Amino acid sequence: MTPATGRRHDAGPPCARLRTPQPEWRTGLASIRAPTLILAGEPRSHLGQSRYALREQALPDAKTVTVSVGHRIHSRAPERWLSGVSDWL
């Protein structure tokens, strides 16, 4: 048991690490040789649009598809999500 929560396992520290990725992860993108699809949720998404362009530039064989529904493309626009994935495959 952890004293802070009284729970057997405290998920707080691992979750905090997931929310704060290590800066060096970006340097590994160039080594990914597999074709990569990046689905972007347009400016209504809480994720900055500049992130998508930077990732596409860093990945050697990437394509970005933008679906104008904001975040959670797969649940808010499943047909357009499927179309983007199917066309890419």
PDB file of N, CA and C in Angstrom:
ATOM      1  N   MET A   1       0.836  -1.183   0.000  1.00  0.00           N
ATOM      2  CA  MET A   1       0.000   0.000   0.000  1.00  0.00           C
ATOM      3  C   MET A   1       0.883   1.250   0.000  1.00  0.00           C
ATOM      4  N   THR A   2       0.451   2.221  -0.745  1.00  0.00           N
ATOM      5  CA  THR A   2       1.182   3.480  -0.719  1.00  0.00           C
ATOM      6  C   THR A   2       0.543   4.391   0.323  1.00  0.00           C
ATOM      7  N   PRO A   3       1.333   5.060   1.127  1.00  0.00           N
ATOM      8  CA  PRO A   3       0.770   5.895   2.182  1.00  0.00           C
ATOM      9  C   PRO A   3      -0.075   7.043   1.645  1.00  0.00           C
ATOM     10  N   ALA A   4       0.306   7.593   0.499  1.00  0.00           N
ATOM     11  CA  ALA A   4      -0.412   8.758  -0.020  1.00  0.00           C
ATOM     12  C   ALA A   4      -1.828   8.432  -0.462  1.00  0.00           C
ATOM     13  N   THR A   5      -2.031   7.269  -1.023  1.00  0.00           N
ATOM     14  CA  THR A   5      -3.342   6.949  -1.596  1.00  0.00           C
ATOM     15  C   THR A   5      -4.061   5.828  -0.882  1.00  0.00           C
ATOM     16  N   GLY A   6      -3.334   5.014  -0.146  1.00  0.00           N
ATOM     17  CA  GLY A   6      -3.958   3.854   0.483  1.00  0.00           C
ATOM     18  C   GLY A   6      -4.223   2.726  -0.499  1.00  0.00           C
ATOM     19  N   ARG A   7      -3.787   2.901  -1.736  1.00  0.00           N
ATOM     20  CA  ARG A   7      -3.971   1.863  -2.752  1.00  0.00           C
ATOM     21  C   ARG A   7      -2.738   0.982  -2.823  1.00  0.00           C
ATOM     22  N   ARG A   8      -2.950  -0.180  -3.354  1.00  0.00           N
ATOM     23  CA  ARG A   8      -1.843  -1.122  -3.492  1.00  0.00           C
ATOM     24  C   ARG A   8      -0.786  -0.604  -4.461  1.00  0.00           C
ATOM     25  N   HIS A   9      -1.215  -0.056  -5.578  1.00  0.00           N
ATOM     26  CA  HIS A   9      -0.282   0.459  -6.581  1.00  0.00           C
ATOM     27  C   HIS A   9      -0.653   1.901  -6.869  1.00  0.00           C
ATOM     28  N   ASP A  10       0.314   2.757  -6.854  1.00  0.00           N
ATOM     29  CA  ASP A  10       0.081   4.168  -7.147  1.00  0.00           C
ATOM     30  C   ASP A  10       0.421   4.419  -8.614  1.00  0.00           C
ATOM     31  N   ALA A  11      -0.586   4.677  -9.422  1.00  0.00           N
ATOM     32  CA  ALA A  11      -0.380   4.897 -10.858  1.00  0.00           C
ATOM     33  C   ALA A  11       0.048   6.326 -11.166  1.00  0.00           C
ATOM     34  N   GLY A  12       0.061   7.179 -10.171  1.00  0.00           N
ATOM     35  CA  GLY A  12       0.395   8.587 -10.399  1.00  0.00           C
ATOM     36  C   GLY A  12       1.735   8.822 -11.069  1.00  0.00           C
ATOM     37  N   PRO A  13       2.842   8.302 -10.527  1.00  0.00           N
ATOM     38  CA  PRO A  13       4.145   8.565 -11.158  1.00  0.00           C
ATOM     39  C   PRO A  13       4.255   8.060 -12.598  1.00  0.00           C
ATOM     40  N   PRO A  14       3.819   6.819 -12.910  1.00  0.00           N
ATOM     41  CA  PRO A  14       3.916   6.407 -14.322  1.00  0.00           C
ATOM     42  C   PRO A  14       3.039   7.250 -15.242  1.00  0.00           C
ATOM     43  N   CYS A  15       1.864   7.634 -14.777  1.00  0.00           N
ATOM     44  CA  CYS A  15       0.985   8.471 -15.603  1.00  0.00           C
ATOM     45  C   CYS A  15       1.614   9.836 -15.840  1.00  0.00           C
ATOM     46  N   ALA A  16       2.246  10.385 -14.823  1.00  0.00           N
ATOM     47  CA  ALA A  16       2.919  11.678 -14.979  1.00  0.00           C
ATOM     48  C   ALA A  16       4.030  11.584 -16.022  1.00  0.00           C
ATOM     49  N   ARG A  17       4.760  10.478 -16.040  1.00  0.00           N
ATOM     50  CA  ARG A  17       5.823  10.307 -17.043  1.00  0.00           C
ATOM     51  C   ARG A  17       5.242  10.214 -18.453  1.00  0.00           C
ATOM     52  N   LEU A  18       4.071   9.607 -18.589  1.00  0.00           N
ATOM     53  CA  LEU A  18       3.448   9.513 -19.911  1.00  0.00           C
ATOM     54  C   LEU A  18       2.977  10.879 -20.394  1.00  0.00           C
ATOM     55  N   ARG A  19       2.524  11.724 -19.481  1.00  0.00           N
ATOM     56  CA  ARG A  19       2.061  13.057 -19.852  1.00  0.00           C
ATOM     57  C   ARG A  19       3.217  13.997 -20.188  1.00  0.00           C
ATOM     58  N   THR A  20       4.409  13.653 -19.772  1.00  0.00           N
ATOM     59  CA  THR A  20       5.580  14.490 -19.997  1.00  0.00           C
ATOM     60  C   THR A  20       6.637  13.665 -20.728  1.00  0.00           C
ATOM     61  N   PRO A  21       6.493  13.532 -22.045  1.00  0.00           N
ATOM     62  CA  PRO A  21       7.446  12.705 -22.785  1.00  0.00           C
ATOM     63  C   PRO A  21       8.858  13.284 -22.729  1.00  0.00           C
ATOM     64  N   GLN A  22       9.805  12.409 -22.816  1.00  0.00           N
ATOM     65  CA  GLN A  22      11.204  12.820 -22.814  1.00  0.00           C
ATOM     66  C   GLN A  22      11.529  13.527 -24.131  1.00  0.00           C
ATOM     67  N   PRO A  23      12.287  14.625 -24.084  1.00  0.00           N
ATOM     68  CA  PRO A  23      12.576  15.390 -25.304  1.00  0.00           C
ATOM     69  C   PRO A  23      13.268  14.576 -26.395  1.00  0.00           C
ATOM     70  N   GLU A  24      14.038  13.581 -26.018  1.00  0.00           N
ATOM     71  CA  GLU A  24      14.811  12.843 -27.026  1.00  0.00           C
ATOM     72  C   GLU A  24      13.963  11.913 -27.894  1.00  0.00           C
ATOM     73  N   TRP A  25      12.689  11.736 -27.582  1.00  0.00           N
ATOM     74  CA  TRP A  25      11.879  10.828 -28.395  1.00  0.00           C
ATOM     75  C   TRP A  25      11.790  11.333 -29.833  1.00  0.00           C
ATOM     76  N   ARG A  26      11.822  12.642 -30.020  1.00  0.00           N
ATOM     77  CA  ARG A  26      11.701  13.204 -31.369  1.00  0.00           C
ATOM     78  C   ARG A  26      12.876  12.821 -32.268  1.00  0.00           C
ATOM     79  N   THR A  27      14.050  12.654 -31.678  1.00  0.00           N
ATOM     80  CA  THR A  27      15.224  12.348 -32.494  1.00  0.00           C
ATOM     81  C   THR A  27      15.126  10.965 -33.126  1.00  0.00           C
ATOM     82  N   GLY A  28      14.332  10.094 -32.552  1.00  0.00           N
ATOM     83  CA  GLY A  28      14.180   8.753 -33.095  1.00  0.00           C
ATOM     84  C   GLY A  28      13.218   8.659 -34.263  1.00  0.00           C
ATOM     85  N   LEU A  29      12.449   9.711 -34.519  1.00  0.00           N
ATOM     86  CA  LEU A  29      11.463   9.652 -35.601  1.00  0.00           C
ATOM     87  C   LEU A  29      12.116   9.394 -36.958  1.00  0.00           C
ATOM     88  N   ALA A  30      13.253   9.977 -37.206  1.00  0.00           N
ATOM     89  CA  ALA A  30      13.923   9.816 -38.504  1.00  0.00           C
ATOM     90  C   ALA A  30      14.325   8.376 -38.775  1.00  0.00           C
ATOM     91  N   SER A  31      14.439   7.577 -37.737  1.00  0.00           N
ATOM     92  CA  SER A  31      14.838   6.178 -37.933  1.00  0.00           C
ATOM     93  C   SER A  31      13.652   5.270 -38.255  1.00  0.00           C
ATOM     94  N   ILE A  32      12.446   5.794 -38.190  1.00  0.00           N
ATOM     95  CA  ILE A  32      11.255   4.992 -38.514  1.00  0.00           C
ATOM     96  C   ILE A  32      11.114   4.958 -40.029  1.00  0.00           C
ATOM     97  N   ARG A  33      11.263   3.798 -40.608  1.00  0.00           N
ATOM     98  CA  ARG A  33      11.228   3.654 -42.070  1.00  0.00           C
ATOM     99  C   ARG A  33       9.870   3.183 -42.586  1.00  0.00           C
ATOM    100  N   ALA A  34       8.994   2.805 -41.707  1.00  0.00           N
ATOM    101  CA  ALA A  34       7.676   2.325 -42.129  1.00  0.00           C
ATOM    102  C   ALA A  34       6.800   3.500 -42.555  1.00  0.00           C
ATOM    103  N   PRO A  35       5.976   3.305 -43.581  1.00  0.00           N
ATOM    104  CA  PRO A  35       5.017   4.347 -43.930  1.00  0.00           C
ATOM    105  C   PRO A  35       4.145   4.664 -42.712  1.00  0.00           C
ATOM    106  N   THR A  36       3.899   5.951 -42.499  1.00  0.00           N
ATOM    107  CA  THR A  36       3.195   6.388 -41.301  1.00  0.00           C
ATOM    108  C   THR A  36       2.073   7.343 -41.669  1.00  0.00           C
ATOM    109  N   LEU A  37       0.892   7.083 -41.160  1.00  0.00           N
ATOM    110  CA  LEU A  37      -0.255   7.966 -41.355  1.00  0.00           C
ATOM    111  C   LEU A  37      -0.444   8.796 -40.100  1.00  0.00           C
ATOM    112  N   ILE A  38      -0.545  10.103 -40.278  1.00  0.00           N
ATOM    113  CA  ILE A  38      -0.830  11.014 -39.174  1.00  0.00           C
ATOM    114  C   ILE A  38      -2.218  11.583 -39.419  1.00  0.00           C
ATOM    115  N   LEU A  39      -3.148  11.303 -38.529  1.00  0.00           N
ATOM    116  CA  LEU A  39      -4.494  11.852 -38.638  1.00  0.00           C
ATOM    117  C   LEU A  39      -4.582  13.083 -37.750  1.00  0.00           C
ATOM    118  N   ALA A  40      -4.886  14.222 -38.355  1.00  0.00           N
ATOM    119  CA  ALA A  40      -4.943  15.491 -37.629  1.00  0.00           C
ATOM    120  C   ALA A  40      -6.394  15.937 -37.493  1.00  0.00           C
ATOM    121  N   GLY A  41      -6.718  16.495 -36.355  1.00  0.00           N
ATOM    122  CA  GLY A  41      -8.092  16.903 -36.074  1.00  0.00           C
ATOM    123  C   GLY A  41      -8.416  18.347 -36.352  1.00  0.00           C
ATOM    124  N   GLU A  42      -7.668  19.027 -37.172  1.00  0.00           N
ATOM    125  CA  GLU A  42      -7.894  20.401 -37.569  1.00  0.00           C
ATOM    126  C   GLU A  42      -7.769  21.356 -36.383  1.00  0.00           C
ATOM    127  N   PRO A  43      -7.825  22.651 -36.619  1.00  0.00           N
ATOM    128  CA  PRO A  43      -7.608  23.616 -35.540  1.00  0.00           C
ATOM    129  C   PRO A  43      -8.558  23.507 -34.346  1.00  0.00           C
ATOM    130  N   ARG A  44      -9.691  22.885 -34.488  1.00  0.00           N
ATOM    131  CA  ARG A  44     -10.584  22.731 -33.330  1.00  0.00           C
ATOM    132  C   ARG A  44     -10.064  21.706 -32.334  1.00  0.00           C
ATOM    133  N   SER A  45      -9.090  20.925 -32.733  1.00  0.00           N
ATOM    134  CA  SER A  45      -8.470  19.975 -31.814  1.00  0.00           C
ATOM    135  C   SER A  45      -7.646  20.747 -30.789  1.00  0.00           C
ATOM    136  N   HIS A  46      -7.516  20.183 -29.603  1.00  0.00           N
ATOM    137  CA  HIS A  46      -6.700  20.848 -28.581  1.00  0.00           C
ATOM    138  C   HIS A  46      -5.205  20.692 -28.842  1.00  0.00           C
ATOM    139  N   LEU A  47      -4.846  19.888 -29.815  1.00  0.00           N
ATOM    140  CA  LEU A  47      -3.438  19.716 -30.177  1.00  0.00           C
ATOM    141  C   LEU A  47      -3.060  20.752 -31.232  1.00  0.00           C
ATOM    142  N   GLY A  48      -1.943  21.413 -31.032  1.00  0.00           N
ATOM    143  CA  GLY A  48      -1.503  22.437 -31.972  1.00  0.00           C
ATOM    144  C   GLY A  48      -1.222  21.872 -33.358  1.00  0.00           C
ATOM    145  N   GLN A  49      -1.679  22.576 -34.375  1.00  0.00           N
ATOM    146  CA  GLN A  49      -1.519  22.106 -35.748  1.00  0.00           C
ATOM    147  C   GLN A  49      -0.059  22.041 -36.180  1.00  0.00           C
ATOM    148  N   SER A  50       0.778  22.867 -35.602  1.00  0.00           N
ATOM    149  CA  SER A  50       2.194  22.848 -35.981  1.00  0.00           C
ATOM    150  C   SER A  50       2.854  21.520 -35.615  1.00  0.00           C
ATOM    151  N   ARG A  51       2.306  20.832 -34.622  1.00  0.00           N
ATOM    152  CA  ARG A  51       2.864  19.528 -34.231  1.00  0.00           C
ATOM    153  C   ARG A  51       2.799  18.526 -35.379  1.00  0.00           C
ATOM    154  N   TYR A  52       1.702  18.558 -36.106  1.00  0.00           N
ATOM    155  CA  TYR A  52       1.519  17.587 -37.185  1.00  0.00           C
ATOM    156  C   TYR A  52       2.547  17.799 -38.287  1.00  0.00           C
ATOM    157  N   ALA A  53       2.756  19.048 -38.672  1.00  0.00           N
ATOM    158  CA  ALA A  53       3.727  19.345 -39.729  1.00  0.00           C
ATOM    159  C   ALA A  53       5.138  18.949 -39.302  1.00  0.00           C
ATOM    160  N   LEU A  54       5.483  19.224 -38.056  1.00  0.00           N
ATOM    161  CA  LEU A  54       6.819  18.862 -37.566  1.00  0.00           C
ATOM    162  C   LEU A  54       7.023  17.354 -37.579  1.00  0.00           C
ATOM    163  N   ARG A  55       6.012  16.615 -37.205  1.00  0.00           N
ATOM    164  CA  ARG A  55       6.135  15.154 -37.192  1.00  0.00           C
ATOM    165  C   ARG A  55       6.211  14.601 -38.612  1.00  0.00           C
ATOM    166  N   GLU A  56       5.412  15.173 -39.495  1.00  0.00           N
ATOM    167  CA  GLU A  56       5.461  14.702 -40.883  1.00  0.00           C
ATOM    168  C   GLU A  56       6.844  14.966 -41.486  1.00  0.00           C
ATOM    169  N   GLN A  57       7.436  16.106 -41.178  1.00  0.00           N
ATOM    170  CA  GLN A  57       8.779  16.413 -41.676  1.00  0.00           C
ATOM    171  C   GLN A  57       9.829  15.478 -41.080  1.00  0.00           C
ATOM    172  N   ALA A  58       9.633  15.086 -39.825  1.00  0.00           N
ATOM    173  CA  ALA A  58      10.623  14.245 -39.140  1.00  0.00           C
ATOM    174  C   ALA A  58      10.557  12.785 -39.566  1.00  0.00           C
ATOM    175  N   LEU A  59       9.387  12.337 -39.988  1.00  0.00           N
ATOM    176  CA  LEU A  59       9.216  10.940 -40.399  1.00  0.00           C
ATOM    177  C   LEU A  59       9.495  10.818 -41.895  1.00  0.00           C
ATOM    178  N   PRO A  60      10.387   9.932 -42.300  1.00  0.00           N
ATOM    179  CA  PRO A  60      10.780   9.833 -43.703  1.00  0.00           C
ATOM    180  C   PRO A  60       9.639   9.519 -44.670  1.00  0.00           C
ATOM    181  N   ASP A  61       8.661   8.749 -44.258  1.00  0.00           N
ATOM    182  CA  ASP A  61       7.599   8.321 -45.168  1.00  0.00           C
ATOM    183  C   ASP A  61       6.240   8.538 -44.507  1.00  0.00           C
ATOM    184  N   ALA A  62       5.943   9.810 -44.197  1.00  0.00           N
ATOM    185  CA  ALA A  62       4.695  10.122 -43.494  1.00  0.00           C
ATOM    186  C   ALA A  62       3.743  10.906 -44.380  1.00  0.00           C
ATOM    187  N   LYS A  63       2.470  10.729 -44.089  1.00  0.00           N
ATOM    188  CA  LYS A  63       1.418  11.479 -44.764  1.00  0.00           C
ATOM    189  C   LYS A  63       0.449  11.949 -43.687  1.00  0.00           C
ATOM    190  N   THR A  64       0.042  13.222 -43.751  1.00  0.00           N
ATOM    191  CA  THR A  64      -0.926  13.756 -42.800  1.00  0.00           C
ATOM    192  C   THR A  64      -2.267  13.924 -43.494  1.00  0.00           C
ATOM    193  N   VAL A  65      -3.306  13.433 -42.858  1.00  0.00           N
ATOM    194  CA  VAL A  65      -4.680  13.613 -43.321  1.00  0.00           C
ATOM    195  C   VAL A  65      -5.403  14.418 -42.250  1.00  0.00           C
ATOM    196  N   THR A  66      -6.023  15.531 -42.653  1.00  0.00           N
ATOM    197  CA  THR A  66      -6.735  16.379 -41.707  1.00  0.00           C
ATOM    198  C   THR A  66      -8.232  16.153 -41.847  1.00  0.00           C
ATOM    199  N   VAL A  67      -8.879  15.912 -40.721  1.00  0.00           N
ATOM    200  CA  VAL A  67     -10.331  15.722 -40.669  1.00  0.00           C
ATOM    201  C   VAL A  67     -10.874  16.820 -39.762  1.00  0.00           C
ATOM    202  N   SER A  68     -11.748  17.667 -40.285  1.00  0.00           N
ATOM    203  CA  SER A  68     -12.175  18.863 -39.557  1.00  0.00           C
ATOM    204  C   SER A  68     -13.286  18.595 -38.538  1.00  0.00           C
ATOM    205  N   VAL A  69     -12.925  17.853 -37.507  1.00  0.00           N
ATOM    206  CA  VAL A  69     -13.904  17.589 -36.441  1.00  0.00           C
ATOM    207  C   VAL A  69     -13.333  17.849 -35.051  1.00  0.00           C
ATOM    208  N   GLY A  70     -12.106  18.299 -34.959  1.00  0.00           N
ATOM    209  CA  GLY A  70     -11.486  18.460 -33.651  1.00  0.00           C
ATOM    210  C   GLY A  70     -10.831  17.162 -33.227  1.00  0.00           C
ATOM    211  N   HIS A  71     -10.763  16.976 -31.921  1.00  0.00           N
ATOM    212  CA  HIS A  71     -10.105  15.795 -31.363  1.00  0.00           C
ATOM    213  C   HIS A  71     -11.045  14.588 -31.441  1.00  0.00           C
ATOM    214  N   ARG A  72     -10.533  13.392 -31.294  1.00  0.00           N
ATOM    215  CA  ARG A  72     -11.287  12.124 -31.313  1.00  0.00           C
ATOM    216  C   ARG A  72     -11.967  11.895 -32.673  1.00  0.00           C
ATOM    217  N   ILE A  73     -11.175  11.948 -33.701  1.00  0.00           N
ATOM    218  CA  ILE A  73     -11.669  11.767 -35.066  1.00  0.00           C
ATOM    219  C   ILE A  73     -12.408  10.447 -35.208  1.00  0.00           C
ATOM    220  N   HIS A  74     -11.854   9.389 -34.637  1.00  0.00           N
ATOM    221  CA  HIS A  74     -12.426   8.047 -34.795  1.00  0.00           C
ATOM    222  C   HIS A  74     -13.842   7.946 -34.242  1.00  0.00           C
ATOM    223  N   SER A  75     -14.193   8.743 -33.238  1.00  0.00           N
ATOM    224  CA  SER A  75     -15.542   8.644 -32.676  1.00  0.00           C
ATOM    225  C   SER A  75     -16.466   9.745 -33.174  1.00  0.00           C
ATOM    226  N   ARG A  76     -15.926  10.884 -33.553  1.00  0.00           N
ATOM    227  CA  ARG A  76     -16.773  11.990 -34.021  1.00  0.00           C
ATOM    228  C   ARG A  76     -17.045  11.930 -35.520  1.00  0.00           C
ATOM    229  N   ALA A  77     -16.163  11.303 -36.257  1.00  0.00           N
ATOM    230  CA  ALA A  77     -16.335  11.187 -37.709  1.00  0.00           C
ATOM    231  C   ALA A  77     -15.799   9.837 -38.165  1.00  0.00           C
ATOM    232  N   PRO A  78     -16.422   8.748 -37.710  1.00  0.00           N
ATOM    233  CA  PRO A  78     -15.870   7.423 -38.016  1.00  0.00           C
ATOM    234  C   PRO A  78     -15.772   7.127 -39.512  1.00  0.00           C
ATOM    235  N   GLU A  79     -16.715   7.631 -40.304  1.00  0.00           N
ATOM    236  CA  GLU A  79     -16.667   7.364 -41.741  1.00  0.00           C
ATOM    237  C   GLU A  79     -15.456   8.040 -42.370  1.00  0.00           C
ATOM    238  N   ARG A  80     -15.195   9.291 -41.969  1.00  0.00           N
ATOM    239  CA  ARG A  80     -14.046  10.012 -42.526  1.00  0.00           C
ATOM    240  C   ARG A  80     -12.735   9.435 -41.999  1.00  0.00           C
ATOM    241  N   TRP A  81     -12.736   8.978 -40.753  1.00  0.00           N
ATOM    242  CA  TRP A  81     -11.552   8.317 -40.198  1.00  0.00           C
ATOM    243  C   TRP A  81     -11.248   7.063 -41.014  1.00  0.00           C
ATOM    244  N   LEU A  82     -12.275   6.243 -41.240  1.00  0.00           N
ATOM    245  CA  LEU A  82     -12.102   5.004 -41.993  1.00  0.00           C
ATOM    246  C   LEU A  82     -11.667   5.292 -43.423  1.00  0.00           C
ATOM    247  N   SER A  83     -12.238   6.312 -44.029  1.00  0.00           N
ATOM    248  CA  SER A  83     -11.858   6.673 -45.387  1.00  0.00           C
ATOM    249  C   SER A  83     -10.387   7.083 -45.450  1.00  0.00           C
ATOM    250  N   GLY A  84      -9.945   7.892 -44.496  1.00  0.00           N
ATOM    251  CA  GLY A  84      -8.542   8.314 -44.465  1.00  0.00           C
ATOM    252  C   GLY A  84      -7.596   7.143 -44.308  1.00  0.00           C
ATOM    253  N   VAL A  85      -7.955   6.226 -43.411  1.00  0.00           N
ATOM    254  CA  VAL A  85      -7.109   5.055 -43.179  1.00  0.00           C
ATOM    255  C   VAL A  85      -7.143   4.127 -44.390  1.00  0.00           C
ATOM    256  N   SER A  86      -8.326   3.868 -44.934  1.00  0.00           N
ATOM    257  CA  SER A  86      -8.461   2.961 -46.086  1.00  0.00           C
ATOM    258  C   SER A  86      -7.710   3.485 -47.299  1.00  0.00           C
ATOM    259  N   ASP A  87      -7.848   4.786 -47.577  1.00  0.00           N
ATOM    260  CA  ASP A  87      -7.144   5.375 -48.720  1.00  0.00           C
ATOM    261  C   ASP A  87      -5.635   5.260 -48.553  1.00  0.00           C
ATOM    262  N   TRP A  88      -5.171   5.424 -47.319  1.00  0.00           N
ATOM    263  CA  TRP A  88      -3.738   5.361 -47.046  1.00  0.00           C
ATOM    264  C   TRP A  88      -3.210   3.939 -47.191  1.00  0.00           C
ATOM    265  N   LEU A  89      -4.010   2.965 -46.732  1.00  0.00           N
ATOM    266  CA  LEU A  89      -3.583   1.572 -46.829  1.00  0.00           C
ATOM    267  C   LEU A  89      -3.545   1.118 -48.275  1.00  0.00           C
TER     268      LEU A  89
END
